């Protein structure tokens, strides 16, 4: 799921029962979403996923102080980037939590640098 675009507003359609999928759709706790924090200033923020539903739909993210925050409240756009912890080096991935970026491409480059090869 590295740099997969996910939707925070509407649930994705259920996958076709006959379609074969390599990995589940959605996020897991510990993954990171990169969301638009301020569209006027072009600030994007990496938020650690804290809570998902049974379909991997992100419900909440973890703030730096440990509190939970509703995922729909962290983005000024309905779509965000989802980064899977399993696809990245654990230390490098953890270092990117709560980092800010000037645009989504900068975030993708940062996560690509710590992607497992």
PDB file of N, CA and C in Angstrom:
ATOM      1  N   UNK A   1       0.807  -1.177   0.000  1.00  0.00           N
ATOM      2  CA  UNK A   1       0.000   0.000   0.000  1.00  0.00           C
ATOM      3  C   UNK A   1       0.858   1.250   0.000  1.00  0.00           C
ATOM      4  N   UNK A   2       2.079   1.180  -0.279  1.00  0.00           N
ATOM      5  CA  UNK A   2       2.906   2.369  -0.231  1.00  0.00           C
ATOM      6  C   UNK A   2       2.388   3.406  -1.219  1.00  0.00           C
ATOM      7  N   UNK A   3       2.068   4.583  -0.698  1.00  0.00           N
ATOM      8  CA  UNK A   3       1.559   5.711  -1.477  1.00  0.00           C
ATOM      9  C   UNK A   3       0.248   5.391  -2.181  1.00  0.00           C
ATOM     10  N   UNK A   4      -0.572   4.569  -1.578  1.00  0.00           N
ATOM     11  CA  UNK A   4      -1.904   4.311  -2.110  1.00  0.00           C
ATOM     12  C   UNK A   4      -2.800   5.478  -1.725  1.00  0.00           C
ATOM     13  N   UNK A   5      -3.612   5.942  -2.659  1.00  0.00           N
ATOM     14  CA  UNK A   5      -4.547   7.015  -2.348  1.00  0.00           C
ATOM     15  C   UNK A   5      -5.770   6.382  -1.706  1.00  0.00           C
ATOM     16  N   UNK A   6      -6.126   6.855  -0.520  1.00  0.00           N
ATOM     17  CA  UNK A   6      -7.296   6.329   0.171  1.00  0.00           C
ATOM     18  C   UNK A   6      -8.268   7.458   0.436  1.00  0.00           C
ATOM     19  N   UNK A   7      -9.516   7.129   0.620  1.00  0.00           N
ATOM     20  CA  UNK A   7     -10.575   8.114   0.788  1.00  0.00           C
ATOM     21  C   UNK A   7     -11.038   8.128   2.235  1.00  0.00           C
ATOM     22  N   UNK A   8     -11.067   9.281   2.858  1.00  0.00           N
ATOM     23  CA  UNK A   8     -11.513   9.393   4.242  1.00  0.00           C
ATOM     24  C   UNK A   8     -13.002   9.685   4.360  1.00  0.00           C
ATOM     25  N   UNK A   9     -13.653  10.069   3.269  1.00  0.00           N
ATOM     26  CA  UNK A   9     -15.033  10.509   3.359  1.00  0.00           C
ATOM     27  C   UNK A   9     -16.021   9.379   3.085  1.00  0.00           C
ATOM     28  N   UNK A  10     -15.869   8.707   1.980  1.00  0.00           N
ATOM     29  CA  UNK A  10     -16.800   7.638   1.610  1.00  0.00           C
ATOM     30  C   UNK A  10     -16.073   6.301   1.603  1.00  0.00           C
ATOM     31  N   UNK A  11     -16.776   5.289   2.015  1.00  0.00           N
ATOM     32  CA  UNK A  11     -16.174   3.953   2.003  1.00  0.00           C
ATOM     33  C   UNK A  11     -15.972   3.493   0.567  1.00  0.00           C
ATOM     34  N   UNK A  12     -14.909   2.751   0.382  1.00  0.00           N
ATOM     35  CA  UNK A  12     -14.654   2.182  -0.927  1.00  0.00           C
ATOM     36  C   UNK A  12     -15.657   1.073  -1.203  1.00  0.00           C
ATOM     37  N   UNK A  13     -15.953   0.807  -2.472  1.00  0.00           N
ATOM     38  CA  UNK A  13     -16.864  -0.296  -2.764  1.00  0.00           C
ATOM     39  C   UNK A  13     -16.239  -1.620  -2.332  1.00  0.00           C
ATOM     40  N   UNK A  14     -17.086  -2.549  -1.983  1.00  0.00           N
ATOM     41  CA  UNK A  14     -16.592  -3.873  -1.579  1.00  0.00           C
ATOM     42  C   UNK A  14     -15.864  -4.513  -2.750  1.00  0.00           C
ATOM     43  N   UNK A  15     -14.765  -5.219  -2.490  1.00  0.00           N
ATOM     44  CA  UNK A  15     -14.039  -5.846  -3.588  1.00  0.00           C
ATOM     45  C   UNK A  15     -14.870  -6.952  -4.218  1.00  0.00           C
ATOM     46  N   UNK A  16     -14.645  -7.163  -5.500  1.00  0.00           N
ATOM     47  CA  UNK A  16     -15.319  -8.232  -6.229  1.00  0.00           C
ATOM     48  C   UNK A  16     -14.917  -9.566  -5.615  1.00  0.00           C
ATOM     49  N   UNK A  17     -15.881 -10.387  -5.285  1.00  0.00           N
ATOM     50  CA  UNK A  17     -15.608 -11.665  -4.623  1.00  0.00           C
ATOM     51  C   UNK A  17     -14.761 -12.586  -5.491  1.00  0.00           C
ATOM     52  N   UNK A  18     -14.866 -12.452  -6.809  1.00  0.00           N
ATOM     53  CA  UNK A  18     -14.102 -13.315  -7.712  1.00  0.00           C
ATOM     54  C   UNK A  18     -12.692 -12.792  -7.979  1.00  0.00           C
ATOM     55  N   UNK A  19     -12.444 -11.533  -7.655  1.00  0.00           N
ATOM     56  CA  UNK A  19     -11.131 -10.940  -7.929  1.00  0.00           C
ATOM     57  C   UNK A  19     -10.113 -11.423  -6.904  1.00  0.00           C
ATOM     58  N   UNK A  20      -8.935 -11.749  -7.381  1.00  0.00           N
ATOM     59  CA  UNK A  20      -7.854 -12.166  -6.480  1.00  0.00           C
ATOM     60  C   UNK A  20      -7.076 -10.922  -6.079  1.00  0.00           C
ATOM     61  N   UNK A  21      -6.788 -10.825  -4.776  1.00  0.00           N
ATOM     62  CA  UNK A  21      -6.045  -9.678  -4.277  1.00  0.00           C
ATOM     63  C   UNK A  21      -4.819 -10.154  -3.527  1.00  0.00           C
ATOM     64  N   UNK A  22      -3.699  -9.481  -3.749  1.00  0.00           N
ATOM     65  CA  UNK A  22      -2.453  -9.843  -3.084  1.00  0.00           C
ATOM     66  C   UNK A  22      -2.486  -9.484  -1.603  1.00  0.00           C
ATOM     67  N   UNK A  23      -3.048  -8.341  -1.292  1.00  0.00           N
ATOM     68  CA  UNK A  23      -3.078  -7.872   0.090  1.00  0.00           C
ATOM     69  C   UNK A  23      -4.404  -7.184   0.359  1.00  0.00           C
ATOM     70  N   UNK A  24      -4.776  -7.054   1.597  1.00  0.00           N
ATOM     71  CA  UNK A  24      -6.068  -6.447   1.911  1.00  0.00           C
ATOM     72  C   UNK A  24      -6.116  -4.972   1.545  1.00  0.00           C
ATOM     73  N   UNK A  25      -7.325  -4.511   1.266  1.00  0.00           N
ATOM     74  CA  UNK A  25      -7.542  -3.096   0.980  1.00  0.00           C
ATOM     75  C   UNK A  25      -7.538  -2.339   2.308  1.00  0.00           C
ATOM     76  N   UNK A  26      -6.991  -1.145   2.308  1.00  0.00           N
ATOM     77  CA  UNK A  26      -7.087  -0.311   3.496  1.00  0.00           C
ATOM     78  C   UNK A  26      -5.817  -0.254   4.317  1.00  0.00           C
ATOM     79  N   UNK A  27      -5.947   0.285   5.503  1.00  0.00           N
ATOM     80  CA  UNK A  27      -4.819   0.509   6.404  1.00  0.00           C
ATOM     81  C   UNK A  27      -4.910  -0.388   7.624  1.00  0.00           C
ATOM     82  N   UNK A  28      -3.812  -0.424   8.355  1.00  0.00           N
ATOM     83  CA  UNK A  28      -3.714  -1.136   9.624  1.00  0.00           C
ATOM     84  C   UNK A  28      -3.182  -0.155  10.657  1.00  0.00           C
ATOM     85  N   UNK A  29      -3.513  -0.352  11.935  1.00  0.00           N
ATOM     86  CA  UNK A  29      -2.879   0.485  12.958  1.00  0.00           C
ATOM     87  C   UNK A  29      -1.359   0.386  12.837  1.00  0.00           C
ATOM     88  N   UNK A  30      -0.697   1.514  12.921  1.00  0.00           N
ATOM     89  CA  UNK A  30       0.752   1.556  12.747  1.00  0.00           C
ATOM     90  C   UNK A  30       1.164   2.047  11.372  1.00  0.00           C
ATOM     91  N   UNK A  31       0.248   1.974  10.386  1.00  0.00           N
ATOM     92  CA  UNK A  31       0.521   2.570   9.086  1.00  0.00           C
ATOM     93  C   UNK A  31       0.486   4.088   9.253  1.00  0.00           C
ATOM     94  N   UNK A  32       0.806   4.806   8.201  1.00  0.00           N
ATOM     95  CA  UNK A  32       0.785   6.268   8.248  1.00  0.00           C
ATOM     96  C   UNK A  32      -0.059   6.788   7.095  1.00  0.00           C
ATOM     97  N   UNK A  33      -0.887   7.790   7.391  1.00  0.00           N
ATOM     98  CA  UNK A  33      -1.559   8.513   6.317  1.00  0.00           C
ATOM     99  C   UNK A  33      -0.911   9.885   6.202  1.00  0.00           C
ATOM    100  N   UNK A  34      -0.786  10.369   4.975  1.00  0.00           N
ATOM    101  CA  UNK A  34      -0.266  11.716   4.726  1.00  0.00           C
ATOM    102  C   UNK A  34      -1.444  12.528   4.202  1.00  0.00           C
ATOM    103  N   UNK A  35      -1.830  13.535   4.967  1.00  0.00           N
ATOM    104  CA  UNK A  35      -3.030  14.305   4.668  1.00  0.00           C
ATOM    105  C   UNK A  35      -2.714  15.786   4.543  1.00  0.00           C
ATOM    106  N   UNK A  36      -3.542  16.476   3.762  1.00  0.00           N
ATOM    107  CA  UNK A  36      -3.417  17.923   3.607  1.00  0.00           C
ATOM    108  C   UNK A  36      -3.854  18.592   4.905  1.00  0.00           C
ATOM    109  N   UNK A  37      -2.936  19.257   5.565  1.00  0.00           N
ATOM    110  CA  UNK A  37      -3.235  19.931   6.829  1.00  0.00           C
ATOM    111  C   UNK A  37      -3.692  21.371   6.591  1.00  0.00           C
ATOM    112  N   UNK A  38      -3.107  22.028   5.576  1.00  0.00           N
ATOM    113  CA  UNK A  38      -3.441  23.415   5.284  1.00  0.00           C
ATOM    114  C   UNK A  38      -3.251  23.644   3.786  1.00  0.00           C
ATOM    115  N   UNK A  39      -4.349  23.728   3.052  1.00  0.00           N
ATOM    116  CA  UNK A  39      -4.272  23.882   1.601  1.00  0.00           C
ATOM    117  C   UNK A  39      -3.720  25.242   1.192  1.00  0.00           C
ATOM    118  N   UNK A  40      -4.011  26.281   1.956  1.00  0.00           N
ATOM    119  CA  UNK A  40      -3.543  27.625   1.626  1.00  0.00           C
ATOM    120  C   UNK A  40      -2.024  27.704   1.667  1.00  0.00           C
ATOM    121  N   UNK A  41      -1.421  27.122   2.688  1.00  0.00           N
ATOM    122  CA  UNK A  41       0.030  27.162   2.828  1.00  0.00           C
ATOM    123  C   UNK A  41       0.707  25.931   2.237  1.00  0.00           C
ATOM    124  N   UNK A  42      -0.060  24.969   1.770  1.00  0.00           N
ATOM    125  CA  UNK A  42       0.507  23.772   1.158  1.00  0.00           C
ATOM    126  C   UNK A  42       1.249  22.894   2.152  1.00  0.00           C
ATOM    127  N   UNK A  43       0.627  22.629   3.286  1.00  0.00           N
ATOM    128  CA  UNK A  43       1.268  21.798   4.309  1.00  0.00           C
ATOM    129  C   UNK A  43       0.583  20.441   4.354  1.00  0.00           C
ATOM    130  N   UNK A  44       1.383  19.392   4.236  1.00  0.00           N
ATOM    131  CA  UNK A  44       0.913  18.012   4.342  1.00  0.00           C
ATOM    132  C   UNK A  44       1.565  17.394   5.563  1.00  0.00           C
ATOM    133  N   UNK A  45       0.843  16.551   6.262  1.00  0.00           N
ATOM    134  CA  UNK A  45       1.329  15.992   7.531  1.00  0.00           C
ATOM    135  C   UNK A  45       1.181  14.477   7.532  1.00  0.00           C
ATOM    136  N   UNK A  46       2.172  13.807   8.102  1.00  0.00           N
ATOM    137  CA  UNK A  46       2.149  12.348   8.245  1.00  0.00           C
ATOM    138  C   UNK A  46       1.571  11.996   9.613  1.00  0.00           C
ATOM    139  N   UNK A  47       0.455  11.277   9.622  1.00  0.00           N
ATOM    140  CA  UNK A  47      -0.225  10.899  10.859  1.00  0.00           C
ATOM    141  C   UNK A  47      -0.187   9.386  11.032  1.00  0.00           C
ATOM    142  N   UNK A  48       0.237   8.878  12.186  1.00  0.00           N
ATOM    143  CA  UNK A  48       0.186   7.436  12.439  1.00  0.00           C
ATOM    144  C   UNK A  48      -1.270   6.980  12.621  1.00  0.00           C
ATOM    145  N   UNK A  49      -1.629   5.927  11.917  1.00  0.00           N
ATOM    146  CA  UNK A  49      -2.982   5.374  12.025  1.00  0.00           C
ATOM    147  C   UNK A  49      -3.118   4.672  13.371  1.00  0.00           C
ATOM    148  N   UNK A  50      -4.173   5.002  14.108  1.00  0.00           N
ATOM    149  CA  UNK A  50      -4.405   4.399  15.424  1.00  0.00           C
ATOM    150  C   UNK A  50      -5.562   3.410  15.407  1.00  0.00           C
ATOM    151  N   UNK A  51      -6.634   3.750  14.680  1.00  0.00           N
ATOM    152  CA  UNK A  51      -7.842   2.923  14.701  1.00  0.00           C
ATOM    153  C   UNK A  51      -8.380   2.764  13.284  1.00  0.00           C
ATOM    154  N   UNK A  52      -8.711   1.523  12.926  1.00  0.00           N
ATOM    155  CA  UNK A  52      -9.362   1.231  11.649  1.00  0.00           C
ATOM    156  C   UNK A  52     -10.570   0.339  11.922  1.00  0.00           C
ATOM    157  N   UNK A  53     -11.495   0.307  10.971  1.00  0.00           N
ATOM    158  CA  UNK A  53     -12.612  -0.619  11.126  1.00  0.00           C
ATOM    159  C   UNK A  53     -12.242  -1.955  10.486  1.00  0.00           C
ATOM    160  N   UNK A  54     -13.198  -2.870  10.408  1.00  0.00           N
ATOM    161  CA  UNK A  54     -12.909  -4.220   9.914  1.00  0.00           C
ATOM    162  C   UNK A  54     -12.530  -4.250   8.438  1.00  0.00           C
ATOM    163  N   UNK A  55     -12.753  -3.162   7.703  1.00  0.00           N
ATOM    164  CA  UNK A  55     -12.395  -3.090   6.289  1.00  0.00           C
ATOM    165  C   UNK A  55     -11.108  -2.307   6.051  1.00  0.00           C
ATOM    166  N   UNK A  56     -10.451  -1.869   7.104  1.00  0.00           N
ATOM    167  CA  UNK A  56      -9.237  -1.082   6.950  1.00  0.00           C
ATOM    168  C   UNK A  56      -9.498   0.395   6.721  1.00  0.00           C
ATOM    169  N   UNK A  57     -10.721   0.836   6.951  1.00  0.00           N
ATOM    170  CA  UNK A  57     -11.090   2.240   6.805  1.00  0.00           C
ATOM    171  C   UNK A  57     -10.555   3.008   8.010  1.00  0.00           C
ATOM    172  N   UNK A  58      -9.761   4.039   7.786  1.00  0.00           N
ATOM    173  CA  UNK A  58      -9.120   4.779   8.880  1.00  0.00           C
ATOM    174  C   UNK A  58     -10.160   5.592   9.652  1.00  0.00           C
ATOM    175  N   UNK A  59     -10.249   5.323  10.949  1.00  0.00           N
ATOM    176  CA  UNK A  59     -11.180   6.047  11.814  1.00  0.00           C
ATOM    177  C   UNK A  59     -10.474   7.078  12.683  1.00  0.00           C
ATOM    178  N   UNK A  60      -9.237   6.789  13.106  1.00  0.00           N
ATOM    179  CA  UNK A  60      -8.532   7.702  13.993  1.00  0.00           C
ATOM    180  C   UNK A  60      -7.033   7.639  13.821  1.00  0.00           C
ATOM    181  N   UNK A  61      -6.387   8.749  14.135  1.00  0.00           N
ATOM    182  CA  UNK A  61      -4.926   8.839  14.092  1.00  0.00           C
ATOM    183  C   UNK A  61      -4.430   9.189  15.491  1.00  0.00           C
ATOM    184  N   UNK A  62      -3.140   8.987  15.706  1.00  0.00           N
ATOM    185  CA  UNK A  62      -2.535   9.254  17.012  1.00  0.00           C
ATOM    186  C   UNK A  62      -1.819  10.601  16.965  1.00  0.00           C
ATOM    187  N   UNK A  63      -2.123  11.458  17.941  1.00  0.00           N
ATOM    188  CA  UNK A  63      -1.413  12.726  18.086  1.00  0.00           C
ATOM    189  C   UNK A  63      -0.087  12.482  18.807  1.00  0.00           C
ATOM    190  N   UNK A  64       0.823  13.455  18.754  1.00  0.00           N
ATOM    191  CA  UNK A  64       2.128  13.310  19.414  1.00  0.00           C
ATOM    192  C   UNK A  64       2.005  13.055  20.904  1.00  0.00           C
ATOM    193  N   UNK A  65       0.998  13.620  21.541  1.00  0.00           N
ATOM    194  CA  UNK A  65       0.845  13.444  22.984  1.00  0.00           C
ATOM    195  C   UNK A  65       0.130  12.138  23.350  1.00  0.00           C
ATOM    196  N   UNK A  66      -0.157  11.305  22.352  1.00  0.00           N
ATOM    197  CA  UNK A  66      -0.759  10.002  22.601  1.00  0.00           C
ATOM    198  C   UNK A  66      -2.268   9.954  22.472  1.00  0.00           C
ATOM    199  N   UNK A  67      -2.913  11.100  22.394  1.00  0.00           N
ATOM    200  CA  UNK A  67      -4.369  11.110  22.259  1.00  0.00           C
ATOM    201  C   UNK A  67      -4.781  10.671  20.856  1.00  0.00           C
ATOM    202  N   UNK A  68      -6.034  10.237  20.728  1.00  0.00           N
ATOM    203  CA  UNK A  68      -6.592   9.872  19.432  1.00  0.00           C
ATOM    204  C   UNK A  68      -7.342  11.059  18.853  1.00  0.00           C
ATOM    205  N   UNK A  69      -7.351  11.140  17.527  1.00  0.00           N
ATOM    206  CA  UNK A  69      -8.032  12.219  16.830  1.00  0.00           C
ATOM    207  C   UNK A  69      -8.766  11.606  15.649  1.00  0.00           C
ATOM    208  N   UNK A  70      -9.990  12.055  15.383  1.00  0.00           N
ATOM    209  CA  UNK A  70     -10.768  11.525  14.269  1.00  0.00           C
ATOM    210  C   UNK A  70     -10.078  11.762  12.942  1.00  0.00           C
ATOM    211  N   UNK A  71      -9.938  10.728  12.146  1.00  0.00           N
ATOM    212  CA  UNK A  71      -9.207  10.828  10.879  1.00  0.00           C
ATOM    213  C   UNK A  71      -9.828  11.839   9.925  1.00  0.00           C
ATOM    214  N   UNK A  72     -11.146  11.958   9.938  1.00  0.00           N
ATOM    215  CA  UNK A  72     -11.801  12.892   9.025  1.00  0.00           C
ATOM    216  C   UNK A  72     -11.488  14.342   9.376  1.00  0.00           C
ATOM    217  N   UNK A  73     -10.923  14.592  10.549  1.00  0.00           N
ATOM    218  CA  UNK A  73     -10.627  15.960  10.992  1.00  0.00           C
ATOM    219  C   UNK A  73      -9.194  16.394  10.681  1.00  0.00           C
ATOM    220  N   UNK A  74      -8.352  15.504  10.174  1.00  0.00           N
ATOM    221  CA  UNK A  74      -6.946  15.858   9.959  1.00  0.00           C
ATOM    222  C   UNK A  74      -6.644  16.282   8.530  1.00  0.00           C
ATOM    223  N   UNK A  75      -7.613  16.202   7.640  1.00  0.00           N
ATOM    224  CA  UNK A  75      -7.326  16.501   6.242  1.00  0.00           C
ATOM    225  C   UNK A  75      -8.280  17.542   5.686  1.00  0.00           C
ATOM    226  N   UNK A  76      -7.729  18.489   4.918  1.00  0.00           N
ATOM    227  CA  UNK A  76      -8.563  19.488   4.267  1.00  0.00           C
ATOM    228  C   UNK A  76      -9.026  18.994   2.894  1.00  0.00           C
ATOM    229  N   UNK A  77      -8.650  17.784   2.519  1.00  0.00           N
ATOM    230  CA  UNK A  77      -9.092  17.155   1.278  1.00  0.00           C
ATOM    231  C   UNK A  77      -9.653  15.777   1.609  1.00  0.00           C
ATOM    232  N   UNK A  78     -10.580  15.267   0.789  1.00  0.00           N
ATOM    233  CA  UNK A  78     -11.173  13.964   1.102  1.00  0.00           C
ATOM    234  C   UNK A  78     -10.249  12.776   0.853  1.00  0.00           C
ATOM    235  N   UNK A  79      -9.208  12.954   0.073  1.00  0.00           N
ATOM    236  CA  UNK A  79      -8.291  11.846  -0.182  1.00  0.00           C
ATOM    237  C   UNK A  79      -6.948  12.110   0.477  1.00  0.00           C
ATOM    238  N   UNK A  80      -6.303  11.039   0.884  1.00  0.00           N
ATOM    239  CA  UNK A  80      -4.990  11.114   1.523  1.00  0.00           C
ATOM    240  C   UNK A  80      -4.115  10.006   0.950  1.00  0.00           C
ATOM    241  N   UNK A  81      -2.830  10.043   1.259  1.00  0.00           N
ATOM    242  CA  UNK A  81      -1.924   8.961   0.876  1.00  0.00           C
ATOM    243  C   UNK A  81      -1.802   7.996   2.038  1.00  0.00           C
ATOM    244  N   UNK A  82      -1.844   6.717   1.753  1.00  0.00           N
ATOM    245  CA  UNK A  82      -1.662   5.699   2.785  1.00  0.00           C
ATOM    246  C   UNK A  82      -0.321   5.018   2.608  1.00  0.00           C
ATOM    247  N   UNK A  83       0.457   4.946   3.661  1.00  0.00           N
ATOM    248  CA  UNK A  83       1.777   4.312   3.638  1.00  0.00           C
ATOM    249  C   UNK A  83       1.768   3.110   4.581  1.00  0.00           C
ATOM    250  N   UNK A  84       2.091   1.942   4.063  1.00  0.00           N
ATOM    251  CA  UNK A  84       2.065   0.715   4.865  1.00  0.00           C
ATOM    252  C   UNK A  84       3.373   0.526   5.613  1.00  0.00           C
ATOM    253  N   UNK A  85       3.276   0.297   6.903  1.00  0.00           N
ATOM    254  CA  UNK A  85       4.470   0.056   7.720  1.00  0.00           C
ATOM    255  C   UNK A  85       5.230  -1.167   7.221  1.00  0.00           C
ATOM    256  N   UNK A  86       4.518  -2.184   6.769  1.00  0.00           N
ATOM    257  CA  UNK A  86       5.154  -3.430   6.326  1.00  0.00           C
ATOM    258  C   UNK A  86       6.033  -3.242   5.092  1.00  0.00           C
ATOM    259  N   UNK A  87       5.816  -2.177   4.343  1.00  0.00           N
ATOM    260  CA  UNK A  87       6.583  -1.919   3.121  1.00  0.00           C
ATOM    261  C   UNK A  87       7.845  -1.095   3.357  1.00  0.00           C
ATOM    262  N   UNK A  88       8.098  -0.693   4.601  1.00  0.00           N
ATOM    263  CA  UNK A  88       9.186   0.244   4.888  1.00  0.00           C
ATOM    264  C   UNK A  88      10.081  -0.244   6.020  1.00  0.00           C
ATOM    265  N   UNK A  89      11.304   0.296   6.049  1.00  0.00           N
ATOM    266  CA  UNK A  89      12.227   0.040   7.152  1.00  0.00           C
ATOM    267  C   UNK A  89      11.595   0.589   8.433  1.00  0.00           C
ATOM    268  N   UNK A  90      11.515  -0.217   9.505  1.00  0.00           N
ATOM    269  CA  UNK A  90      10.817   0.231  10.721  1.00  0.00           C
ATOM    270  C   UNK A  90      11.353   1.524  11.332  1.00  0.00           C
ATOM    271  N   UNK A  91      12.667   1.669  11.427  1.00  0.00           N
ATOM    272  CA  UNK A  91      13.229   2.876  12.043  1.00  0.00           C
ATOM    273  C   UNK A  91      12.995   4.113  11.184  1.00  0.00           C
ATOM    274  N   UNK A  92      13.240   3.983   9.892  1.00  0.00           N
ATOM    275  CA  UNK A  92      13.019   5.112   8.993  1.00  0.00           C
ATOM    276  C   UNK A  92      11.557   5.508   8.924  1.00  0.00           C
ATOM    277  N   UNK A  93      10.689   4.506   8.933  1.00  0.00           N
ATOM    278  CA  UNK A  93       9.248   4.746   8.891  1.00  0.00           C
ATOM    279  C   UNK A  93       8.788   5.480  10.150  1.00  0.00           C
ATOM    280  N   UNK A  94       9.260   5.017  11.307  1.00  0.00           N
ATOM    281  CA  UNK A  94       8.888   5.648  12.579  1.00  0.00           C
ATOM    282  C   UNK A  94       9.364   7.099  12.633  1.00  0.00           C
ATOM    283  N   UNK A  95      10.506   7.382  12.033  1.00  0.00           N
ATOM    284  CA  UNK A  95      11.044   8.746  12.047  1.00  0.00           C
ATOM    285  C   UNK A  95      10.186   9.715  11.228  1.00  0.00           C
ATOM    286  N   UNK A  96       9.362   9.197  10.324  1.00  0.00           N
ATOM    287  CA  UNK A  96       8.535  10.059   9.482  1.00  0.00           C
ATOM    288  C   UNK A  96       7.172  10.387  10.099  1.00  0.00           C
ATOM    289  N   UNK A  97       6.853   9.786  11.248  1.00  0.00           N
ATOM    290  CA  UNK A  97       5.587  10.111  11.923  1.00  0.00           C
ATOM    291  C   UNK A  97       5.584  11.585  12.317  1.00  0.00           C
ATOM    292  N   UNK A  98       4.472  12.241  12.088  1.00  0.00           N
ATOM    293  CA  UNK A  98       4.226  13.648  12.421  1.00  0.00           C
ATOM    294  C   UNK A  98       5.141  14.620  11.668  1.00  0.00           C
ATOM    295  N   UNK A  99       5.767  14.189  10.601  1.00  0.00           N
ATOM    296  CA  UNK A  99       6.576  15.097   9.782  1.00  0.00           C
ATOM    297  C   UNK A  99       5.657  15.892   8.866  1.00  0.00           C
ATOM    298  N   UNK A 100       6.060  17.103   8.536  1.00  0.00           N
ATOM    299  CA  UNK A 100       5.277  17.907   7.597  1.00  0.00           C
ATOM    300  C   UNK A 100       6.022  17.992   6.270  1.00  0.00           C
ATOM    301  N   UNK A 101       5.254  18.168   5.211  1.00  0.00           N
ATOM    302  CA  UNK A 101       5.787  18.222   3.850  1.00  0.00           C
ATOM    303  C   UNK A 101       5.112  19.376   3.116  1.00  0.00           C
ATOM    304  N   UNK A 102       5.782  19.888   2.089  1.00  0.00           N
ATOM    305  CA  UNK A 102       5.211  21.000   1.330  1.00  0.00           C
ATOM    306  C   UNK A 102       4.240  20.537   0.248  1.00  0.00           C
ATOM    307  N   UNK A 103       4.308  19.280  -0.127  1.00  0.00           N
ATOM    308  CA  UNK A 103       3.354  18.726  -1.086  1.00  0.00           C
ATOM    309  C   UNK A 103       3.406  17.200  -1.018  1.00  0.00           C
ATOM    310  N   UNK A 104       2.439  16.514  -1.616  1.00  0.00           N
ATOM    311  CA  UNK A 104       2.415  15.056  -1.525  1.00  0.00           C
ATOM    312  C   UNK A 104       3.618  14.388  -2.193  1.00  0.00           C
ATOM    313  N   UNK A 105       4.176  15.009  -3.217  1.00  0.00           N
ATOM    314  CA  UNK A 105       5.344  14.412  -3.881  1.00  0.00           C
ATOM    315  C   UNK A 105       6.557  14.382  -2.959  1.00  0.00           C
ATOM    316  N   UNK A 106       6.716  15.403  -2.133  1.00  0.00           N
ATOM    317  CA  UNK A 106       7.806  15.415  -1.160  1.00  0.00           C
ATOM    318  C   UNK A 106       7.609  14.282  -0.149  1.00  0.00           C
ATOM    319  N   UNK A 107       6.376  14.039   0.249  1.00  0.00           N
ATOM    320  CA  UNK A 107       6.084  12.940   1.175  1.00  0.00           C
ATOM    321  C   UNK A 107       6.390  11.594   0.528  1.00  0.00           C
ATOM    322  N   UNK A 108       5.977  11.425  -0.717  1.00  0.00           N
ATOM    323  CA  UNK A 108       6.247  10.166  -1.422  1.00  0.00           C
ATOM    324  C   UNK A 108       7.744   9.930  -1.526  1.00  0.00           C
ATOM    325  N   UNK A 109       8.512  10.974  -1.814  1.00  0.00           N
ATOM    326  CA  UNK A 109       9.969  10.839  -1.900  1.00  0.00           C
ATOM    327  C   UNK A 109      10.563  10.432  -0.557  1.00  0.00           C
ATOM    328  N   UNK A 110      10.076  11.017   0.528  1.00  0.00           N
ATOM    329  CA  UNK A 110      10.591  10.685   1.862  1.00  0.00           C
ATOM    330  C   UNK A 110      10.291   9.232   2.214  1.00  0.00           C
ATOM    331  N   UNK A 111       9.091   8.768   1.925  1.00  0.00           N
ATOM    332  CA  UNK A 111       8.739   7.384   2.230  1.00  0.00           C
ATOM    333  C   UNK A 111       9.433   6.412   1.278  1.00  0.00           C
ATOM    334  N   UNK A 112       9.657   6.831   0.042  1.00  0.00           N
ATOM    335  CA  UNK A 112      10.392   5.979  -0.907  1.00  0.00           C
ATOM    336  C   UNK A 112      11.818   5.741  -0.441  1.00  0.00           C
ATOM    337  N   UNK A 113      12.405   6.734   0.226  1.00  0.00           N
ATOM    338  CA  UNK A 113      13.785   6.609   0.708  1.00  0.00           C
ATOM    339  C   UNK A 113      13.921   5.542   1.789  1.00  0.00           C
ATOM    340  N   UNK A 114      12.841   5.230   2.501  1.00  0.00           N
ATOM    341  CA  UNK A 114      12.905   4.211   3.560  1.00  0.00           C
ATOM    342  C   UNK A 114      12.130   2.945   3.181  1.00  0.00           C
ATOM    343  N   UNK A 115      11.757   2.846   1.920  1.00  0.00           N
ATOM    344  CA  UNK A 115      11.021   1.665   1.436  1.00  0.00           C
ATOM    345  C   UNK A 115      11.944   0.458   1.384  1.00  0.00           C
ATOM    346  N   UNK A 116      11.412  -0.687   1.789  1.00  0.00           N
ATOM    347  CA  UNK A 116      12.186  -1.936   1.697  1.00  0.00           C
ATOM    348  C   UNK A 116      12.350  -2.300   0.237  1.00  0.00           C
ATOM    349  N   UNK A 117      13.520  -2.742  -0.106  1.00  0.00           N
ATOM    350  CA  UNK A 117      13.800  -3.099  -1.505  1.00  0.00           C
ATOM    351  C   UNK A 117      13.591  -4.569  -1.729  1.00  0.00           C
TER     352      UNK A 117
END
